[in-house]
Amino acid sequence: MLRNELVGHYRKTGERDKAMASGEAALALVEKLGFGETISAGTTCVNVGTMLSAFGENERALSLFERARPL
């Protein structure tokens, strides 16, 4: 998923707003496309969680890591 890759790119380049927007879009696509219980959803949750953690959003990150754990 392109949005997933953009999350990582923007995290690495320190572009918080773009990273957040891409993360929200990636999570919305997971739901819209019905991927909620797939490995792809787990990967998206980990990527967005890592980005959130990098920008100090640790509580939100933790909830995504917990969501990814069973997937």
N, C-alpha and C. Protein backbone atom coordinates (compact mmCIF):
# COMPACT_ATOMS: atom_id res chain seq x y z
N MET A 1 0.84 -1.18 0.00
CA MET A 1 0.00 0.00 0.00
C MET A 1 0.89 1.24 0.00
N LEU A 2 0.62 2.12 -0.93
CA LEU A 2 1.42 3.34 -1.05
C LEU A 2 1.37 4.18 0.22
N ARG A 3 0.20 4.32 0.81
CA ARG A 3 0.08 5.14 2.03
C ARG A 3 0.97 4.60 3.14
N ASN A 4 1.07 3.29 3.23
CA ASN A 4 1.92 2.65 4.23
C ASN A 4 3.37 3.09 4.04
N GLU A 5 3.83 3.11 2.81
CA GLU A 5 5.20 3.50 2.51
C GLU A 5 5.42 4.99 2.79
N LEU A 6 4.42 5.80 2.49
CA LEU A 6 4.54 7.23 2.75
C LEU A 6 4.65 7.53 4.24
N VAL A 7 3.96 6.74 5.05
CA VAL A 7 4.06 6.91 6.51
C VAL A 7 5.53 6.81 6.94
N GLY A 8 6.20 5.78 6.48
CA GLY A 8 7.60 5.58 6.83
C GLY A 8 8.50 6.67 6.26
N HIS A 9 8.25 7.05 5.02
CA HIS A 9 9.07 8.10 4.39
C HIS A 9 8.95 9.41 5.16
N TYR A 10 7.72 9.82 5.43
CA TYR A 10 7.52 11.09 6.12
C TYR A 10 8.03 11.04 7.57
N ARG A 11 7.96 9.88 8.20
CA ARG A 11 8.52 9.73 9.55
C ARG A 11 10.03 9.95 9.49
N LYS A 12 10.67 9.30 8.53
CA LYS A 12 12.13 9.40 8.42
C LYS A 12 12.60 10.80 8.06
N THR A 13 11.77 11.55 7.33
CA THR A 13 12.16 12.90 6.93
C THR A 13 11.64 13.96 7.90
N GLY A 14 10.94 13.52 8.96
CA GLY A 14 10.48 14.44 9.99
C GLY A 14 9.29 15.29 9.60
N GLU A 15 8.56 14.88 8.59
CA GLU A 15 7.39 15.65 8.13
C GLU A 15 6.15 15.16 8.85
N ARG A 16 5.97 15.66 10.06
CA ARG A 16 4.92 15.18 10.97
C ARG A 16 3.52 15.25 10.35
N ASP A 17 3.14 16.40 9.84
CA ASP A 17 1.78 16.57 9.32
C ASP A 17 1.48 15.61 8.16
N LYS A 18 2.45 15.48 7.26
CA LYS A 18 2.25 14.57 6.13
C LYS A 18 2.22 13.12 6.61
N ALA A 19 3.06 12.79 7.58
CA ALA A 19 3.06 11.43 8.14
C ALA A 19 1.72 11.11 8.79
N MET A 20 1.22 12.05 9.58
CA MET A 20 -0.06 11.84 10.27
C MET A 20 -1.19 11.66 9.26
N ALA A 21 -1.21 12.50 8.23
CA ALA A 21 -2.26 12.41 7.22
C ALA A 21 -2.19 11.07 6.48
N SER A 22 -0.98 10.64 6.14
CA SER A 22 -0.82 9.36 5.45
C SER A 22 -1.21 8.20 6.35
N GLY A 23 -0.88 8.31 7.63
CA GLY A 23 -1.25 7.26 8.58
C GLY A 23 -2.74 7.13 8.73
N GLU A 24 -3.42 8.24 8.86
CA GLU A 24 -4.88 8.21 8.98
C GLU A 24 -5.50 7.64 7.71
N ALA A 25 -4.97 8.05 6.56
CA ALA A 25 -5.50 7.54 5.28
C ALA A 25 -5.27 6.03 5.15
N ALA A 26 -4.09 5.58 5.56
CA ALA A 26 -3.79 4.13 5.48
C ALA A 26 -4.73 3.33 6.36
N LEU A 27 -4.96 3.80 7.58
CA LEU A 27 -5.87 3.08 8.48
C LEU A 27 -7.30 3.10 7.95
N ALA A 28 -7.71 4.20 7.36
CA ALA A 28 -9.06 4.29 6.79
C ALA A 28 -9.20 3.31 5.62
N LEU A 29 -8.16 3.19 4.80
CA LEU A 29 -8.21 2.26 3.68
C LEU A 29 -8.30 0.81 4.14
N VAL A 30 -7.60 0.48 5.21
CA VAL A 30 -7.68 -0.88 5.76
C VAL A 30 -9.13 -1.23 6.06
N GLU A 31 -9.83 -0.31 6.68
CA GLU A 31 -11.23 -0.56 7.02
C GLU A 31 -12.12 -0.55 5.78
N LYS A 32 -11.94 0.45 4.92
CA LYS A 32 -12.77 0.58 3.73
C LYS A 32 -12.66 -0.64 2.82
N LEU A 33 -11.46 -1.19 2.72
CA LEU A 33 -11.24 -2.33 1.83
C LEU A 33 -11.51 -3.68 2.49
N GLY A 34 -11.89 -3.65 3.77
CA GLY A 34 -12.21 -4.88 4.47
C GLY A 34 -11.01 -5.72 4.85
N PHE A 35 -9.86 -5.09 5.08
CA PHE A 35 -8.64 -5.80 5.42
C PHE A 35 -8.40 -5.87 6.93
N GLY A 36 -9.41 -5.56 7.73
CA GLY A 36 -9.26 -5.41 9.17
C GLY A 36 -8.59 -6.53 9.92
N GLU A 37 -8.70 -7.75 9.47
CA GLU A 37 -8.14 -8.89 10.19
C GLU A 37 -7.05 -9.60 9.39
N THR A 38 -6.32 -8.86 8.58
CA THR A 38 -5.30 -9.46 7.72
C THR A 38 -3.89 -9.06 8.16
N ILE A 39 -2.91 -9.75 7.62
CA ILE A 39 -1.51 -9.39 7.89
C ILE A 39 -1.24 -7.97 7.39
N SER A 40 -1.85 -7.59 6.29
CA SER A 40 -1.68 -6.23 5.77
C SER A 40 -2.16 -5.19 6.79
N ALA A 41 -3.25 -5.49 7.46
CA ALA A 41 -3.75 -4.59 8.51
C ALA A 41 -2.74 -4.52 9.65
N GLY A 42 -2.17 -5.66 10.02
CA GLY A 42 -1.16 -5.68 11.08
C GLY A 42 0.05 -4.85 10.71
N THR A 43 0.51 -4.98 9.47
CA THR A 43 1.65 -4.20 9.01
C THR A 43 1.35 -2.71 9.04
N THR A 44 0.16 -2.35 8.61
CA THR A 44 -0.25 -0.95 8.62
C THR A 44 -0.29 -0.41 10.04
N CYS A 45 -0.85 -1.19 10.96
CA CYS A 45 -0.92 -0.75 12.36
C CYS A 45 0.47 -0.56 12.95
N VAL A 46 1.38 -1.47 12.65
CA VAL A 46 2.75 -1.34 13.16
C VAL A 46 3.43 -0.12 12.55
N ASN A 47 3.28 0.09 11.25
CA ASN A 47 3.90 1.25 10.61
C ASN A 47 3.36 2.57 11.17
N VAL A 48 2.05 2.65 11.30
CA VAL A 48 1.46 3.88 11.82
C VAL A 48 1.81 4.04 13.30
N GLY A 49 1.82 2.94 14.04
CA GLY A 49 2.22 3.00 15.45
C GLY A 49 3.64 3.47 15.62
N THR A 50 4.54 2.99 14.79
CA THR A 50 5.93 3.42 14.84
C THR A 50 6.05 4.91 14.55
N MET A 51 5.30 5.37 13.57
CA MET A 51 5.30 6.80 13.24
C MET A 51 4.76 7.62 14.40
N LEU A 52 3.65 7.18 14.98
CA LEU A 52 3.07 7.91 16.11
C LEU A 52 4.05 7.98 17.27
N SER A 53 4.71 6.88 17.55
CA SER A 53 5.70 6.84 18.62
C SER A 53 6.85 7.82 18.35
N ALA A 54 7.28 7.87 17.10
CA ALA A 54 8.38 8.77 16.74
C ALA A 54 8.02 10.23 16.96
N PHE A 55 6.73 10.54 16.85
CA PHE A 55 6.28 11.91 17.04
C PHE A 55 5.65 12.13 18.41
N GLY A 56 5.91 11.22 19.35
CA GLY A 56 5.49 11.42 20.74
C GLY A 56 4.06 11.06 21.06
N GLU A 57 3.37 10.39 20.17
CA GLU A 57 1.97 9.98 20.39
C GLU A 57 1.95 8.54 20.90
N ASN A 58 2.55 8.32 22.06
CA ASN A 58 2.78 6.97 22.55
C ASN A 58 1.51 6.19 22.90
N GLU A 59 0.52 6.84 23.45
CA GLU A 59 -0.71 6.12 23.80
C GLU A 59 -1.44 5.64 22.55
N ARG A 60 -1.51 6.49 21.55
CA ARG A 60 -2.14 6.08 20.29
C ARG A 60 -1.34 4.97 19.64
N ALA A 61 -0.01 5.07 19.71
CA ALA A 61 0.85 4.04 19.13
C ALA A 61 0.61 2.70 19.81
N LEU A 62 0.53 2.71 21.12
CA LEU A 62 0.34 1.47 21.87
C LEU A 62 -0.95 0.76 21.45
N SER A 63 -2.01 1.52 21.26
CA SER A 63 -3.27 0.88 20.86
C SER A 63 -3.15 0.22 19.49
N LEU A 64 -2.38 0.80 18.59
CA LEU A 64 -2.18 0.18 17.28
C LEU A 64 -1.28 -1.05 17.37
N PHE A 65 -0.26 -1.00 18.22
CA PHE A 65 0.59 -2.17 18.40
C PHE A 65 -0.22 -3.33 18.99
N GLU A 66 -1.10 -3.02 19.93
CA GLU A 66 -1.95 -4.06 20.51
C GLU A 66 -2.92 -4.62 19.48
N ARG A 67 -3.42 -3.77 18.62
CA ARG A 67 -4.33 -4.22 17.56
C ARG A 67 -3.60 -5.17 16.59
N ALA A 68 -2.33 -4.89 16.33
CA ALA A 68 -1.55 -5.69 15.38
C ALA A 68 -1.11 -7.02 15.95
N ARG A 69 -0.99 -7.11 17.27
CA ARG A 69 -0.42 -8.31 17.89
C ARG A 69 -1.07 -9.63 17.44
N PRO A 70 -2.38 -9.76 17.44
CA PRO A 70 -2.96 -11.06 17.04
C PRO A 70 -2.94 -11.34 15.54
N LEU A 71 -2.63 -10.33 14.75
CA LEU A 71 -2.68 -10.50 13.30
C LEU A 71 -1.39 -11.08 12.81
